[in-house]
Every structure is written in structure tokens, then in C-alpha cells.
Protein backbone atom coordinates (compact mmCIF):
# COMPACT_ATOMS: atom_id res chain seq x y z
CA UNK A 1 105.28 100.74 78.48
CA UNK A 2 101.71 100.96 77.14
CA UNK A 3 101.03 103.75 74.65
CA UNK A 4 97.51 104.95 73.96
CA UNK A 5 96.79 107.36 71.10
CA UNK A 6 93.38 109.03 71.16
CA UNK A 7 92.35 110.90 68.03
CA UNK A 8 89.48 113.37 68.25
CA UNK A 9 88.18 116.21 66.13
CA UNK A 10 89.25 119.65 67.30
CA UNK A 11 85.83 120.82 68.37
CA UNK A 12 86.37 122.75 71.58
CA UNK A 13 87.40 119.86 73.80
CA UNK A 14 88.17 121.36 77.19
CA UNK A 15 91.27 120.80 79.31
CA UNK A 16 89.04 119.08 81.88
CA UNK A 17 87.66 116.70 79.25
CA UNK A 18 91.18 115.85 78.05
CA UNK A 19 92.28 115.17 81.61
CA UNK A 20 89.29 112.84 82.02
CA UNK A 21 90.19 111.00 78.79
CA UNK A 22 93.79 110.54 79.95
CA UNK A 23 92.74 109.36 83.41
CA UNK A 24 90.04 107.03 82.06
CA UNK A 25 92.21 105.48 79.36
CA UNK A 26 95.00 104.88 81.85
CA UNK A 27 92.60 103.30 84.34
CA UNK A 28 91.17 101.06 81.60
CA UNK A 29 94.61 99.56 80.96
CA UNK A 30 95.13 99.12 84.70
CA UNK A 31 91.78 97.36 85.10
CA UNK A 32 91.82 95.20 81.96
CA UNK A 33 95.51 94.47 81.38
CA UNK A 34 96.95 95.07 84.87
CA UNK A 35 99.33 97.71 83.47
CA UNK A 36 101.30 100.09 85.65
CA UNK A 37 99.73 103.56 85.42
CA UNK A 38 103.13 105.16 86.08
CA UNK A 39 104.44 103.85 82.76
CA UNK A 40 101.28 104.26 80.69
CA UNK A 41 101.53 107.01 78.06
CA UNK A 42 98.41 108.69 76.65
CA UNK A 43 98.57 111.10 73.72
CA UNK A 44 95.57 113.04 72.42
CA UNK A 45 95.72 114.18 68.81
CA UNK A 46 93.18 116.80 67.82
CA UNK A 47 92.43 116.65 64.11
CA UNK A 48 90.79 119.45 62.15
CA UNK A 49 87.31 118.51 60.95
CA UNK A 50 88.58 119.41 57.45
CA UNK A 51 90.98 116.45 57.80
CA UNK A 52 88.46 113.92 59.11
CA UNK A 53 85.93 112.04 57.02
CA UNK A 54 83.00 109.76 57.75
CA UNK A 55 81.08 107.86 55.10
CA UNK A 56 82.97 109.58 52.32
CA UNK A 57 82.13 113.07 53.59
CA UNK A 58 84.31 115.67 55.29
CA UNK A 59 83.20 116.17 58.89
CA UNK A 60 83.16 119.98 58.52
CA UNK A 61 80.52 119.58 55.80
CA UNK A 62 78.55 117.04 57.83
CA UNK A 63 78.50 119.36 60.86
CA UNK A 64 77.22 122.24 58.68
CA UNK A 65 74.33 120.06 57.46
CA UNK A 66 73.01 119.50 61.00
């Protein structure tokens, strides 16, 4: 049973976007690894930008600098 864990920042990702991520990730495993979509699990973890860092900086701070 394939398990896919997608981690994204919690920046207003819509239900429709999450559904597209789940569908697309599942289809990718079907196309590339010939996995059964009925047994493919996809979990989306939304992480606060305060808990996500890039290049040694907290994402919340980086977003504020834009």
C-alpha cells in the first residue's frame, strides 16, 4: 500500500487544491510505478509558516519581507 505524505505551509490552500494534489499524486504513482489507486494513501500536512524555515529563515518572516 503506497503512502504519500505531502507537507505544505498553511497558507489558504483550498479544498479544491487539496483534492487536486491527492488526485495528482495518486495518478503519478499509477503512471510511474503501476500502483493500484484504490490502495494508495495520500496525507496532506499543513504546517504553520512559523514552523517552516528556508535558508535559515522562518517562512513567516520571509513572507513579510516580500
